[in-house]
Amino acid sequence: MGMFDVTVELANVAVPGQTEEVSLLVETGATLSWIPREILQRLGVAAFSRLPFSLADGRRLERDVTAVLLTFDGRKAPVQVAFGEPGEAAVLGATALEGLGFLVDLVAKRLVPRDLLAL
């Protein structure tokens, strides 16, 4: 059981034809996905904000954030992501999983599609 990686496709929302395939660690404890800065720069996306984050060890830090078009298993949506810095893990966070409609099966180490919820 435990953590596992998935391969996703990322694109600039304004230029969806230019894509990057990236392996991300599924991490439901992370609010946003963390994408290496060099990948986001290759896609030509710019930060639109800088937000504070709390780490598991209690430290706080700030990271630039932006939005990218994320595709996995035929599902595609714009998601907010943080710019990962060298040495930081590339992760698929909770908001992307929820926005695309996936549950995490830790036993089978896979993402399970589900319907989104509406009122």
PDB file of N, CA and C in Angstrom:
ATOM      1  N   MET A   1       0.842  -1.177   0.000  1.00  0.00           N
ATOM      2  CA  MET A   1       0.000   0.000   0.000  1.00  0.00           C
ATOM      3  C   MET A   1       0.885   1.237   0.000  1.00  0.00           C
ATOM      4  N   GLY A   2       0.251   2.388  -0.164  1.00  0.00           N
ATOM      5  CA  GLY A   2       1.010   3.612  -0.079  1.00  0.00           C
ATOM      6  C   GLY A   2       0.962   4.433  -1.333  1.00  0.00           C
ATOM      7  N   MET A   3       2.068   5.108  -1.571  1.00  0.00           N
ATOM      8  CA  MET A   3       2.114   6.091  -2.645  1.00  0.00           C
ATOM      9  C   MET A   3       2.408   5.424  -3.990  1.00  0.00           C
ATOM     10  N   PHE A   4       2.021   6.135  -5.054  1.00  0.00           N
ATOM     11  CA  PHE A   4       2.284   5.656  -6.403  1.00  0.00           C
ATOM     12  C   PHE A   4       2.283   6.840  -7.355  1.00  0.00           C
ATOM     13  N   ASP A   5       2.849   6.627  -8.542  1.00  0.00           N
ATOM     14  CA  ASP A   5       2.945   7.654  -9.573  1.00  0.00           C
ATOM     15  C   ASP A   5       1.931   7.399 -10.679  1.00  0.00           C
ATOM     16  N   VAL A   6       1.524   8.494 -11.314  1.00  0.00           N
ATOM     17  CA  VAL A   6       0.715   8.427 -12.537  1.00  0.00           C
ATOM     18  C   VAL A   6       1.345   9.370 -13.552  1.00  0.00           C
ATOM     19  N   THR A   7       1.134   9.085 -14.811  1.00  0.00           N
ATOM     20  CA  THR A   7       1.623   9.956 -15.875  1.00  0.00           C
ATOM     21  C   THR A   7       0.452  10.770 -16.393  1.00  0.00           C
ATOM     22  N   VAL A   8       0.632  12.087 -16.397  1.00  0.00           N
ATOM     23  CA  VAL A   8      -0.401  13.004 -16.861  1.00  0.00           C
ATOM     24  C   VAL A   8       0.147  13.818 -18.021  1.00  0.00           C
ATOM     25  N   GLU A   9      -0.758  14.460 -18.738  1.00  0.00           N
ATOM     26  CA  GLU A   9      -0.369  15.386 -19.793  1.00  0.00           C
ATOM     27  C   GLU A   9      -0.747  16.789 -19.348  1.00  0.00           C
ATOM     28  N   LEU A  10       0.198  17.704 -19.462  1.00  0.00           N
ATOM     29  CA  LEU A  10      -0.026  19.102 -19.093  1.00  0.00           C
ATOM     30  C   LEU A  10       0.063  19.974 -20.335  1.00  0.00           C
ATOM     31  N   ALA A  11      -0.715  21.051 -20.331  1.00  0.00           N
ATOM     32  CA  ALA A  11      -0.667  22.015 -21.431  1.00  0.00           C
ATOM     33  C   ALA A  11      -0.958  23.404 -20.888  1.00  0.00           C
ATOM     34  N   ASN A  12      -0.470  24.387 -21.621  1.00  0.00           N
ATOM     35  CA  ASN A  12      -0.827  25.775 -21.352  1.00  0.00           C
ATOM     36  C   ASN A  12      -2.293  25.928 -21.759  1.00  0.00           C
ATOM     37  N   VAL A  13      -3.119  26.480 -20.888  1.00  0.00           N
ATOM     38  CA  VAL A  13      -4.546  26.636 -21.199  1.00  0.00           C
ATOM     39  C   VAL A  13      -4.738  27.437 -22.485  1.00  0.00           C
ATOM     40  N   ALA A  14      -3.861  28.411 -22.728  1.00  0.00           N
ATOM     41  CA  ALA A  14      -3.972  29.263 -23.916  1.00  0.00           C
ATOM     42  C   ALA A  14      -3.424  28.595 -25.173  1.00  0.00           C
ATOM     43  N   VAL A  15      -2.590  27.544 -25.011  1.00  0.00           N
ATOM     44  CA  VAL A  15      -1.978  26.847 -26.144  1.00  0.00           C
ATOM     45  C   VAL A  15      -2.094  25.339 -25.889  1.00  0.00           C
ATOM     46  N   PRO A  16      -3.321  24.790 -25.953  1.00  0.00           N
ATOM     47  CA  PRO A  16      -3.518  23.396 -25.550  1.00  0.00           C
ATOM     48  C   PRO A  16      -2.847  22.357 -26.438  1.00  0.00           C
ATOM     49  N   GLY A  17      -2.376  22.742 -27.604  1.00  0.00           N
ATOM     50  CA  GLY A  17      -1.706  21.797 -28.491  1.00  0.00           C
ATOM     51  C   GLY A  17      -0.274  21.493 -28.099  1.00  0.00           C
ATOM     52  N   GLN A  18       0.344  22.345 -27.296  1.00  0.00           N
ATOM     53  CA  GLN A  18       1.716  22.144 -26.838  1.00  0.00           C
ATOM     54  C   GLN A  18       1.646  21.472 -25.471  1.00  0.00           C
ATOM     55  N   THR A  19       2.080  20.195 -25.404  1.00  0.00           N
ATOM     56  CA  THR A  19       1.909  19.430 -24.176  1.00  0.00           C
ATOM     57  C   THR A  19       3.228  18.904 -23.636  1.00  0.00           C
ATOM     58  N   GLU A  20       3.199  18.551 -22.377  1.00  0.00           N
ATOM     59  CA  GLU A  20       4.324  17.887 -21.701  1.00  0.00           C
ATOM     60  C   GLU A  20       3.752  16.706 -20.935  1.00  0.00           C
ATOM     61  N   GLU A  21       4.380  15.549 -21.078  1.00  0.00           N
ATOM     62  CA  GLU A  21       3.984  14.384 -20.285  1.00  0.00           C
ATOM     63  C   GLU A  21       4.850  14.362 -19.028  1.00  0.00           C
ATOM     64  N   VAL A  22       4.204  14.182 -17.872  1.00  0.00           N
ATOM     65  CA  VAL A  22       4.901  14.278 -16.594  1.00  0.00           C
ATOM     66  C   VAL A  22       4.437  13.156 -15.668  1.00  0.00           C
ATOM     67  N   SER A  23       5.380  12.551 -14.962  1.00  0.00           N
ATOM     68  CA  SER A  23       5.059  11.569 -13.936  1.00  0.00           C
ATOM     69  C   SER A  23       4.909  12.308 -12.612  1.00  0.00           C
ATOM     70  N   LEU A  24       3.759  12.105 -11.944  1.00  0.00           N
ATOM     71  CA  LEU A  24       3.477  12.785 -10.681  1.00  0.00           C
ATOM     72  C   LEU A  24       3.161  11.767  -9.600  1.00  0.00           C
ATOM     73  N   LEU A  25       3.626  12.029  -8.399  1.00  0.00           N
ATOM     74  CA  LEU A  25       3.304  11.229  -7.229  1.00  0.00           C
ATOM     75  C   LEU A  25       1.908  11.619  -6.759  1.00  0.00           C
ATOM     76  N   VAL A  26       1.017  10.662  -6.606  1.00  0.00           N
ATOM     77  CA  VAL A  26      -0.327  10.946  -6.109  1.00  0.00           C
ATOM     78  C   VAL A  26      -0.211  11.249  -4.620  1.00  0.00           C
ATOM     79  N   GLU A  27      -0.635  12.458  -4.231  1.00  0.00           N
ATOM     80  CA  GLU A  27      -0.463  12.924  -2.851  1.00  0.00           C
ATOM     81  C   GLU A  27      -1.715  13.665  -2.406  1.00  0.00           C
ATOM     82  N   THR A  28      -2.644  12.938  -1.775  1.00  0.00           N
ATOM     83  CA  THR A  28      -3.900  13.546  -1.351  1.00  0.00           C
ATOM     84  C   THR A  28      -3.714  14.517  -0.195  1.00  0.00           C
ATOM     85  N   GLY A  29      -2.561  14.497   0.451  1.00  0.00           N
ATOM     86  CA  GLY A  29      -2.287  15.443   1.530  1.00  0.00           C
ATOM     87  C   GLY A  29      -1.879  16.818   1.027  1.00  0.00           C
ATOM     88  N   ALA A  30      -1.597  16.934  -0.261  1.00  0.00           N
ATOM     89  CA  ALA A  30      -1.241  18.219  -0.860  1.00  0.00           C
ATOM     90  C   ALA A  30      -2.491  18.843  -1.463  1.00  0.00           C
ATOM     91  N   THR A  31      -2.738  20.104  -1.140  1.00  0.00           N
ATOM     92  CA  THR A  31      -3.906  20.778  -1.699  1.00  0.00           C
ATOM     93  C   THR A  31      -3.763  20.918  -3.211  1.00  0.00           C
ATOM     94  N   LEU A  32      -2.680  21.570  -3.652  1.00  0.00           N
ATOM     95  CA  LEU A  32      -2.434  21.774  -5.081  1.00  0.00           C
ATOM     96  C   LEU A  32      -1.418  20.764  -5.598  1.00  0.00           C
ATOM     97  N   SER A  33      -1.416  20.575  -6.888  1.00  0.00           N
ATOM     98  CA  SER A  33      -0.370  19.800  -7.536  1.00  0.00           C
ATOM     99  C   SER A  33       0.888  20.659  -7.609  1.00  0.00           C
ATOM    100  N   TRP A  34       2.046  20.022  -7.506  1.00  0.00           N
ATOM    101  CA  TRP A  34       3.331  20.714  -7.602  1.00  0.00           C
ATOM    102  C   TRP A  34       4.013  20.236  -8.865  1.00  0.00           C
ATOM    103  N   ILE A  35       4.255  21.168  -9.769  1.00  0.00           N
ATOM    104  CA  ILE A  35       4.851  20.868 -11.064  1.00  0.00           C
ATOM    105  C   ILE A  35       6.209  21.573 -11.136  1.00  0.00           C
ATOM    106  N   PRO A  36       7.258  20.863 -11.549  1.00  0.00           N
ATOM    107  CA  PRO A  36       8.569  21.510 -11.640  1.00  0.00           C
ATOM    108  C   PRO A  36       8.518  22.794 -12.474  1.00  0.00           C
ATOM    109  N   ARG A  37       9.157  23.817 -11.955  1.00  0.00           N
ATOM    110  CA  ARG A  37       9.178  25.126 -12.603  1.00  0.00           C
ATOM    111  C   ARG A  37       9.629  25.039 -14.058  1.00  0.00           C
ATOM    112  N   GLU A  38      10.655  24.217 -14.339  1.00  0.00           N
ATOM    113  CA  GLU A  38      11.173  24.160 -15.711  1.00  0.00           C
ATOM    114  C   GLU A  38      10.128  23.633 -16.688  1.00  0.00           C
ATOM    115  N   ILE A  39       9.268  22.742 -16.253  1.00  0.00           N
ATOM    116  CA  ILE A  39       8.195  22.243 -17.122  1.00  0.00           C
ATOM    117  C   ILE A  39       7.171  23.343 -17.383  1.00  0.00           C
ATOM    118  N   LEU A  40       6.790  24.052 -16.335  1.00  0.00           N
ATOM    119  CA  LEU A  40       5.824  25.144 -16.501  1.00  0.00           C
ATOM    120  C   LEU A  40       6.398  26.243 -17.399  1.00  0.00           C
ATOM    121  N   GLN A  41       7.687  26.510 -17.274  1.00  0.00           N
ATOM    122  CA  GLN A  41       8.317  27.518 -18.130  1.00  0.00           C
ATOM    123  C   GLN A  41       8.343  27.059 -19.586  1.00  0.00           C
ATOM    124  N   ARG A  42       8.615  25.769 -19.822  1.00  0.00           N
ATOM    125  CA  ARG A  42       8.592  25.253 -21.201  1.00  0.00           C
ATOM    126  C   ARG A  42       7.209  25.382 -21.817  1.00  0.00           C
ATOM    127  N   LEU A  43       6.179  25.236 -20.996  1.00  0.00           N
ATOM    128  CA  LEU A  43       4.801  25.387 -21.476  1.00  0.00           C
ATOM    129  C   LEU A  43       4.420  26.848 -21.681  1.00  0.00           C
ATOM    130  N   GLY A  44       5.238  27.753 -21.159  1.00  0.00           N
ATOM    131  CA  GLY A  44       4.981  29.177 -21.346  1.00  0.00           C
ATOM    132  C   GLY A  44       3.930  29.754 -20.421  1.00  0.00           C
ATOM    133  N   VAL A  45       3.689  29.106 -19.292  1.00  0.00           N
ATOM    134  CA  VAL A  45       2.706  29.644 -18.348  1.00  0.00           C
ATOM    135  C   VAL A  45       3.401  30.565 -17.349  1.00  0.00           C
ATOM    136  N   ALA A  46       2.695  31.580 -16.940  1.00  0.00           N
ATOM    137  CA  ALA A  46       3.228  32.551 -15.979  1.00  0.00           C
ATOM    138  C   ALA A  46       2.456  32.444 -14.671  1.00  0.00           C
ATOM    139  N   ALA A  47       3.136  32.754 -13.586  1.00  0.00           N
ATOM    140  CA  ALA A  47       2.477  32.769 -12.276  1.00  0.00           C
ATOM    141  C   ALA A  47       1.456  33.899 -12.243  1.00  0.00           C
ATOM    142  N   PHE A  48       0.295  33.633 -11.639  1.00  0.00           N
ATOM    143  CA  PHE A  48      -0.691  34.697 -11.474  1.00  0.00           C
ATOM    144  C   PHE A  48      -0.867  35.074 -10.012  1.00  0.00           C
ATOM    145  N   SER A  49      -0.221  34.326  -9.126  1.00  0.00           N
ATOM    146  CA  SER A  49      -0.333  34.621  -7.701  1.00  0.00           C
ATOM    147  C   SER A  49       0.811  33.945  -6.974  1.00  0.00           C
ATOM    148  N   ARG A  50       0.970  34.310  -5.722  1.00  0.00           N
ATOM    149  CA  ARG A  50       1.933  33.655  -4.827  1.00  0.00           C
ATOM    150  C   ARG A  50       1.154  33.345  -3.557  1.00  0.00           C
ATOM    151  N   LEU A  51       1.159  32.071  -3.146  1.00  0.00           N
ATOM    152  CA  LEU A  51       0.336  31.647  -2.012  1.00  0.00           C
ATOM    153  C   LEU A  51       1.182  30.977  -0.930  1.00  0.00           C
ATOM    154  N   PRO A  52       0.717  31.057   0.331  1.00  0.00           N
ATOM    155  CA  PRO A  52       1.425  30.382   1.425  1.00  0.00           C
ATOM    156  C   PRO A  52       1.023  28.909   1.517  1.00  0.00           C
ATOM    157  N   PHE A  53       1.974  28.071   1.915  1.00  0.00           N
ATOM    158  CA  PHE A  53       1.750  26.638   2.109  1.00  0.00           C
ATOM    159  C   PHE A  53       2.351  26.224   3.440  1.00  0.00           C
ATOM    160  N   SER A  54       1.720  25.276   4.104  1.00  0.00           N
ATOM    161  CA  SER A  54       2.243  24.673   5.329  1.00  0.00           C
ATOM    162  C   SER A  54       2.773  23.289   4.992  1.00  0.00           C
ATOM    163  N   LEU A  55       3.943  22.963   5.511  1.00  0.00           N
ATOM    164  CA  LEU A  55       4.539  21.649   5.301  1.00  0.00           C
ATOM    165  C   LEU A  55       4.202  20.728   6.467  1.00  0.00           C
ATOM    166  N   ALA A  56       4.369  19.434   6.273  1.00  0.00           N
ATOM    167  CA  ALA A  56       4.047  18.449   7.305  1.00  0.00           C
ATOM    168  C   ALA A  56       4.858  18.661   8.576  1.00  0.00           C
ATOM    169  N   ASP A  57       6.066  19.208   8.434  1.00  0.00           N
ATOM    170  CA  ASP A  57       6.909  19.424   9.615  1.00  0.00           C
ATOM    171  C   ASP A  57       6.641  20.765  10.307  1.00  0.00           C
ATOM    172  N   GLY A  58       5.614  21.479   9.856  1.00  0.00           N
ATOM    173  CA  GLY A  58       5.224  22.736  10.489  1.00  0.00           C
ATOM    174  C   GLY A  58       5.803  23.986   9.851  1.00  0.00           C
ATOM    175  N   ARG A  59       6.795  23.827   8.966  1.00  0.00           N
ATOM    176  CA  ARG A  59       7.349  24.995   8.289  1.00  0.00           C
ATOM    177  C   ARG A  59       6.343  25.566   7.318  1.00  0.00           C
ATOM    178  N   ARG A  60       6.510  26.857   7.026  1.00  0.00           N
ATOM    179  CA  ARG A  60       5.663  27.537   6.033  1.00  0.00           C
ATOM    180  C   ARG A  60       6.554  28.047   4.912  1.00  0.00           C
ATOM    181  N   LEU A  61       5.991  28.097   3.719  1.00  0.00           N
ATOM    182  CA  LEU A  61       6.711  28.666   2.579  1.00  0.00           C
ATOM    183  C   LEU A  61       5.703  29.250   1.618  1.00  0.00           C
ATOM    184  N   GLU A  62       6.197  30.008   0.666  1.00  0.00           N
ATOM    185  CA  GLU A  62       5.345  30.571  -0.384  1.00  0.00           C
ATOM    186  C   GLU A  62       5.813  30.045  -1.726  1.00  0.00           C
ATOM    187  N   ARG A  63       4.858  29.831  -2.620  1.00  0.00           N
ATOM    188  CA  ARG A  63       5.176  29.392  -3.971  1.00  0.00           C
ATOM    189  C   ARG A  63       4.300  30.144  -4.965  1.00  0.00           C
ATOM    190  N   ASP A  64       4.864  30.369  -6.160  1.00  0.00           N
ATOM    191  CA  ASP A  64       4.095  30.907  -7.267  1.00  0.00           C
ATOM    192  C   ASP A  64       3.063  29.866  -7.670  1.00  0.00           C
ATOM    193  N   VAL A  65       1.893  30.325  -8.130  1.00  0.00           N
ATOM    194  CA  VAL A  65       0.855  29.415  -8.622  1.00  0.00           C
ATOM    195  C   VAL A  65       0.344  29.894  -9.971  1.00  0.00           C
ATOM    196  N   THR A  66      -0.192  28.955 -10.727  1.00  0.00           N
ATOM    197  CA  THR A  66      -0.748  29.224 -12.045  1.00  0.00           C
ATOM    198  C   THR A  66      -1.818  28.179 -12.338  1.00  0.00           C
ATOM    199  N   ALA A  67      -2.328  28.172 -13.542  1.00  0.00           N
ATOM    200  CA  ALA A  67      -3.274  27.139 -13.971  1.00  0.00           C
ATOM    201  C   ALA A  67      -2.746  26.479 -15.236  1.00  0.00           C
ATOM    202  N   VAL A  68      -2.951  25.178 -15.331  1.00  0.00           N
ATOM    203  CA  VAL A  68      -2.594  24.417 -16.525  1.00  0.00           C
ATOM    204  C   VAL A  68      -3.761  23.517 -16.890  1.00  0.00           C
ATOM    205  N   LEU A  69      -3.756  23.057 -18.118  1.00  0.00           N
ATOM    206  CA  LEU A  69      -4.732  22.082 -18.571  1.00  0.00           C
ATOM    207  C   LEU A  69      -4.135  20.706 -18.289  1.00  0.00           C
ATOM    208  N   LEU A  70      -4.791  19.924 -17.447  1.00  0.00           N
ATOM    209  CA  LEU A  70      -4.279  18.614 -17.049  1.00  0.00           C
ATOM    210  C   LEU A  70      -5.182  17.540 -17.614  1.00  0.00           C
ATOM    211  N   THR A  71      -4.577  16.524 -18.248  1.00  0.00           N
ATOM    212  CA  THR A  71      -5.323  15.412 -18.821  1.00  0.00           C
ATOM    213  C   THR A  71      -4.830  14.113 -18.215  1.00  0.00           C
ATOM    214  N   PHE A  72      -5.786  13.286 -17.781  1.00  0.00           N
ATOM    215  CA  PHE A  72      -5.470  11.946 -17.296  1.00  0.00           C
ATOM    216  C   PHE A  72      -6.638  11.027 -17.628  1.00  0.00           C
ATOM    217  N   ASP A  73      -6.341   9.893 -18.218  1.00  0.00           N
ATOM    218  CA  ASP A  73      -7.340   8.860 -18.497  1.00  0.00           C
ATOM    219  C   ASP A  73      -8.550   9.422 -19.249  1.00  0.00           C
ATOM    220  N   GLY A  74      -8.295  10.295 -20.213  1.00  0.00           N
ATOM    221  CA  GLY A  74      -9.360  10.848 -21.035  1.00  0.00           C
ATOM    222  C   GLY A  74     -10.119  12.009 -20.433  1.00  0.00           C
ATOM    223  N   ARG A  75      -9.818  12.355 -19.200  1.00  0.00           N
ATOM    224  CA  ARG A  75     -10.477  13.494 -18.548  1.00  0.00           C
ATOM    225  C   ARG A  75      -9.525  14.678 -18.565  1.00  0.00           C
ATOM    226  N   LYS A  76     -10.079  15.843 -18.876  1.00  0.00           N
ATOM    227  CA  LYS A  76      -9.260  17.046 -19.035  1.00  0.00           C
ATOM    228  C   LYS A  76      -9.928  18.203 -18.310  1.00  0.00           C
ATOM    229  N   ALA A  77      -9.107  19.001 -17.575  1.00  0.00           N
ATOM    230  CA  ALA A  77      -9.652  20.167 -16.877  1.00  0.00           C
ATOM    231  C   ALA A  77      -8.519  21.143 -16.563  1.00  0.00           C
ATOM    232  N   PRO A  78      -8.844  22.430 -16.488  1.00  0.00           N
ATOM    233  CA  PRO A  78      -7.846  23.385 -15.997  1.00  0.00           C
ATOM    234  C   PRO A  78      -7.725  23.220 -14.482  1.00  0.00           C
ATOM    235  N   VAL A  79      -6.498  23.149 -13.994  1.00  0.00           N
ATOM    236  CA  VAL A  79      -6.265  22.993 -12.553  1.00  0.00           C
ATOM    237  C   VAL A  79      -5.213  23.993 -12.091  1.00  0.00           C
ATOM    238  N   GLN A  80      -5.359  24.415 -10.856  1.00  0.00           N
ATOM    239  CA  GLN A  80      -4.390  25.317 -10.246  1.00  0.00           C
ATOM    240  C   GLN A  80      -3.217  24.483  -9.742  1.00  0.00           C
ATOM    241  N   VAL A  81      -1.997  24.943 -10.039  1.00  0.00           N
ATOM    242  CA  VAL A  81      -0.787  24.219  -9.638  1.00  0.00           C
ATOM    243  C   VAL A  81       0.231  25.196  -9.057  1.00  0.00           C
ATOM    244  N   ALA A  82       1.104  24.642  -8.222  1.00  0.00           N
ATOM    245  CA  ALA A  82       2.210  25.413  -7.659  1.00  0.00           C
ATOM    246  C   ALA A  82       3.470  25.136  -8.465  1.00  0.00           C
ATOM    247  N   PHE A  83       4.340  26.132  -8.533  1.00  0.00           N
ATOM    248  CA  PHE A  83       5.635  25.981  -9.185  1.00  0.00           C
ATOM    249  C   PHE A  83       6.577  25.247  -8.228  1.00  0.00           C
ATOM    250  N   GLY A  84       6.936  24.019  -8.565  1.00  0.00           N
ATOM    251  CA  GLY A  84       7.880  23.257  -7.754  1.00  0.00           C
ATOM    252  C   GLY A  84       9.303  23.711  -8.019  1.00  0.00           C
ATOM    253  N   GLU A  85      10.081  23.773  -6.972  1.00  0.00           N
ATOM    254  CA  GLU A  85      11.478  24.187  -7.077  1.00  0.00           C
ATOM    255  C   GLU A  85      12.392  22.955  -7.068  1.00  0.00           C
ATOM    256  N   PRO A  86      13.659  23.095  -7.502  1.00  0.00           N
ATOM    257  CA  PRO A  86      14.571  21.947  -7.534  1.00  0.00           C
ATOM    258  C   PRO A  86      14.622  21.241  -6.175  1.00  0.00           C
ATOM    259  N   GLY A  87      14.567  19.912  -6.232  1.00  0.00           N
ATOM    260  CA  GLY A  87      14.610  19.104  -5.022  1.00  0.00           C
ATOM    261  C   GLY A  87      13.241  18.794  -4.443  1.00  0.00           C
ATOM    262  N   GLU A  88      12.190  19.452  -4.943  1.00  0.00           N
ATOM    263  CA  GLU A  88      10.836  19.201  -4.455  1.00  0.00           C
ATOM    264  C   GLU A  88      10.158  18.162  -5.347  1.00  0.00           C
ATOM    265  N   ALA A  89       9.336  17.322  -4.732  1.00  0.00           N
ATOM    266  CA  ALA A  89       8.633  16.275  -5.475  1.00  0.00           C
ATOM    267  C   ALA A  89       7.579  16.877  -6.394  1.00  0.00           C
ATOM    268  N   ALA A  90       7.390  16.242  -7.531  1.00  0.00           N
ATOM    269  CA  ALA A  90       6.305  16.601  -8.450  1.00  0.00           C
ATOM    270  C   ALA A  90       5.101  15.768  -8.035  1.00  0.00           C
ATOM    271  N   VAL A  91       4.019  16.425  -7.626  1.00  0.00           N
ATOM    272  CA  VAL A  91       2.878  15.693  -7.069  1.00  0.00           C
ATOM    273  C   VAL A  91       1.563  16.082  -7.733  1.00  0.00           C
ATOM    274  N   LEU A  92       0.634  15.139  -7.698  1.00  0.00           N
ATOM    275  CA  LEU A  92      -0.743  15.360  -8.125  1.00  0.00           C
ATOM    276  C   LEU A  92      -1.559  15.514  -6.849  1.00  0.00           C
ATOM    277  N   GLY A  93      -2.042  16.718  -6.598  1.00  0.00           N
ATOM    278  CA  GLY A  93      -2.718  17.030  -5.349  1.00  0.00           C
ATOM    279  C   GLY A  93      -4.218  16.818  -5.366  1.00  0.00           C
ATOM    280  N   ALA A  94      -4.820  17.071  -4.209  1.00  0.00           N
ATOM    281  CA  ALA A  94      -6.236  16.784  -3.977  1.00  0.00           C
ATOM    282  C   ALA A  94      -7.181  17.577  -4.872  1.00  0.00           C
ATOM    283  N   THR A  95      -6.898  18.862  -5.115  1.00  0.00           N
ATOM    284  CA  THR A  95      -7.840  19.653  -5.913  1.00  0.00           C
ATOM    285  C   THR A  95      -7.904  19.169  -7.354  1.00  0.00           C
ATOM    286  N   ALA A  96      -6.788  18.733  -7.916  1.00  0.00           N
ATOM    287  CA  ALA A  96      -6.797  18.190  -9.280  1.00  0.00           C
ATOM    288  C   ALA A  96      -7.565  16.872  -9.318  1.00  0.00           C
ATOM    289  N   LEU A  97      -7.326  16.010  -8.330  1.00  0.00           N
ATOM    290  CA  LEU A  97      -8.030  14.733  -8.276  1.00  0.00           C
ATOM    291  C   LEU A  97      -9.537  14.944  -8.176  1.00  0.00           C
ATOM    292  N   GLU A  98      -9.937  15.845  -7.303  1.00  0.00           N
ATOM    293  CA  GLU A  98     -11.354  16.100  -7.116  1.00  0.00           C
ATOM    294  C   GLU A  98     -11.971  16.752  -8.356  1.00  0.00           C
ATOM    295  N   GLY A  99     -11.262  17.727  -8.930  1.00  0.00           N
ATOM    296  CA  GLY A  99     -11.784  18.434 -10.097  1.00  0.00           C
ATOM    297  C   GLY A  99     -11.940  17.553 -11.325  1.00  0.00           C
ATOM    298  N   LEU A 100     -11.063  16.571 -11.462  1.00  0.00           N
ATOM    299  CA  LEU A 100     -11.150  15.642 -12.594  1.00  0.00           C
ATOM    300  C   LEU A 100     -12.071  14.466 -12.305  1.00  0.00           C
ATOM    301  N   GLY A 101     -12.428  14.275 -11.036  1.00  0.00           N
ATOM    302  CA  GLY A 101     -13.328  13.187 -10.670  1.00  0.00           C
ATOM    303  C   GLY A 101     -12.639  11.852 -10.512  1.00  0.00           C
ATOM    304  N   PHE A 102     -11.591  11.803  -9.678  1.00  0.00           N
ATOM    305  CA  PHE A 102     -10.907  10.543  -9.407  1.00  0.00           C
ATOM    306  C   PHE A 102     -10.822  10.279  -7.913  1.00  0.00           C
ATOM    307  N   LEU A 103     -11.009   9.024  -7.548  1.00  0.00           N
ATOM    308  CA  LEU A 103     -10.757   8.533  -6.204  1.00  0.00           C
ATOM    309  C   LEU A 103      -9.422   7.797  -6.223  1.00  0.00           C
ATOM    310  N   VAL A 104      -8.766   7.727  -5.081  1.00  0.00           N
ATOM    311  CA  VAL A 104      -7.478   7.053  -4.989  1.00  0.00           C
ATOM    312  C   VAL A 104      -7.687   5.670  -4.379  1.00  0.00           C
ATOM    313  N   ASP A 105      -7.276   4.644  -5.107  1.00  0.00           N
ATOM    314  CA  ASP A 105      -7.281   3.270  -4.602  1.00  0.00           C
ATOM    315  C   ASP A 105      -5.847   2.944  -4.219  1.00  0.00           C
ATOM    316  N   LEU A 106      -5.529   3.045  -2.919  1.00  0.00           N
ATOM    317  CA  LEU A 106      -4.159   2.823  -2.451  1.00  0.00           C
ATOM    318  C   LEU A 106      -3.756   1.356  -2.501  1.00  0.00           C
ATOM    319  N   VAL A 107      -4.713   0.446  -2.389  1.00  0.00           N
ATOM    320  CA  VAL A 107      -4.386  -0.977  -2.425  1.00  0.00           C
ATOM    321  C   VAL A 107      -3.956  -1.375  -3.831  1.00  0.00           C
ATOM    322  N   ALA A 108      -4.755  -0.991  -4.827  1.00  0.00           N
ATOM    323  CA  ALA A 108      -4.440  -1.327  -6.220  1.00  0.00           C
ATOM    324  C   ALA A 108      -3.460  -0.328  -6.844  1.00  0.00           C
ATOM    325  N   LYS A 109      -3.164   0.758  -6.139  1.00  0.00           N
ATOM    326  CA  LYS A 109      -2.272   1.813  -6.629  1.00  0.00           C
ATOM    327  C   LYS A 109      -2.724   2.334  -7.987  1.00  0.00           C
ATOM    328  N   ARG A 110      -3.960   2.853  -7.970  1.00  0.00           N
ATOM    329  CA  ARG A 110      -4.513   3.408  -9.205  1.00  0.00           C
ATOM    330  C   ARG A 110      -5.557   4.467  -8.861  1.00  0.00           C
ATOM    331  N   LEU A 111      -5.880   5.273  -9.870  1.00  0.00           N
ATOM    332  CA  LEU A 111      -6.946   6.259  -9.737  1.00  0.00           C
ATOM    333  C   LEU A 111      -8.215   5.678 -10.337  1.00  0.00           C
ATOM    334  N   VAL A 112      -9.315   5.866  -9.635  1.00  0.00           N
ATOM    335  CA  VAL A 112     -10.598   5.307 -10.051  1.00  0.00           C
ATOM    336  C   VAL A 112     -11.519   6.456 -10.439  1.00  0.00           C
ATOM    337  N   PRO A 113     -12.021   6.466 -11.689  1.00  0.00           N
ATOM    338  CA  PRO A 113     -12.940   7.549 -12.077  1.00  0.00           C
ATOM    339  C   PRO A 113     -14.263   7.451 -11.330  1.00  0.00           C
ATOM    340  N   ARG A 114     -14.818   8.592 -11.039  1.00  0.00           N
ATOM    341  CA  ARG A 114     -16.127   8.663 -10.389  1.00  0.00           C
ATOM    342  C   ARG A 114     -16.877   9.834 -10.974  1.00  0.00           C
ATOM    343  N   ASP A 115     -18.181   9.869 -10.731  1.00  0.00           N
ATOM    344  CA  ASP A 115     -18.972  11.008 -11.147  1.00  0.00           C
ATOM    345  C   ASP A 115     -18.683  12.182 -10.205  1.00  0.00           C
ATOM    346  N   LEU A 116     -18.695  13.374 -10.739  1.00  0.00           N
ATOM    347  CA  LEU A 116     -18.616  14.556  -9.888  1.00  0.00           C
ATOM    348  C   LEU A 116     -19.942  14.712  -9.174  1.00  0.00           C
ATOM    349  N   LEU A 117     -19.930  15.415  -8.050  1.00  0.00           N
ATOM    350  CA  LEU A 117     -21.141  15.593  -7.273  1.00  0.00           C
ATOM    351  C   LEU A 117     -21.771  16.941  -7.555  1.00  0.00           C
ATOM    352  N   ALA A 118     -23.089  16.979  -7.607  1.00  0.00           N
ATOM    353  CA  ALA A 118     -23.835  18.215  -7.803  1.00  0.00           C
ATOM    354  C   ALA A 118     -24.909  18.301  -6.743  1.00  0.00           C
ATOM    355  N   LEU A 119     -25.401  19.492  -6.505  1.00  0.00           N
ATOM    356  CA  LEU A 119     -26.478  19.665  -5.526  1.00  0.00           C
ATOM    357  C   LEU A 119     -27.760  19.068  -6.021  1.00  0.00           C
TER     358      LEU A 119
END
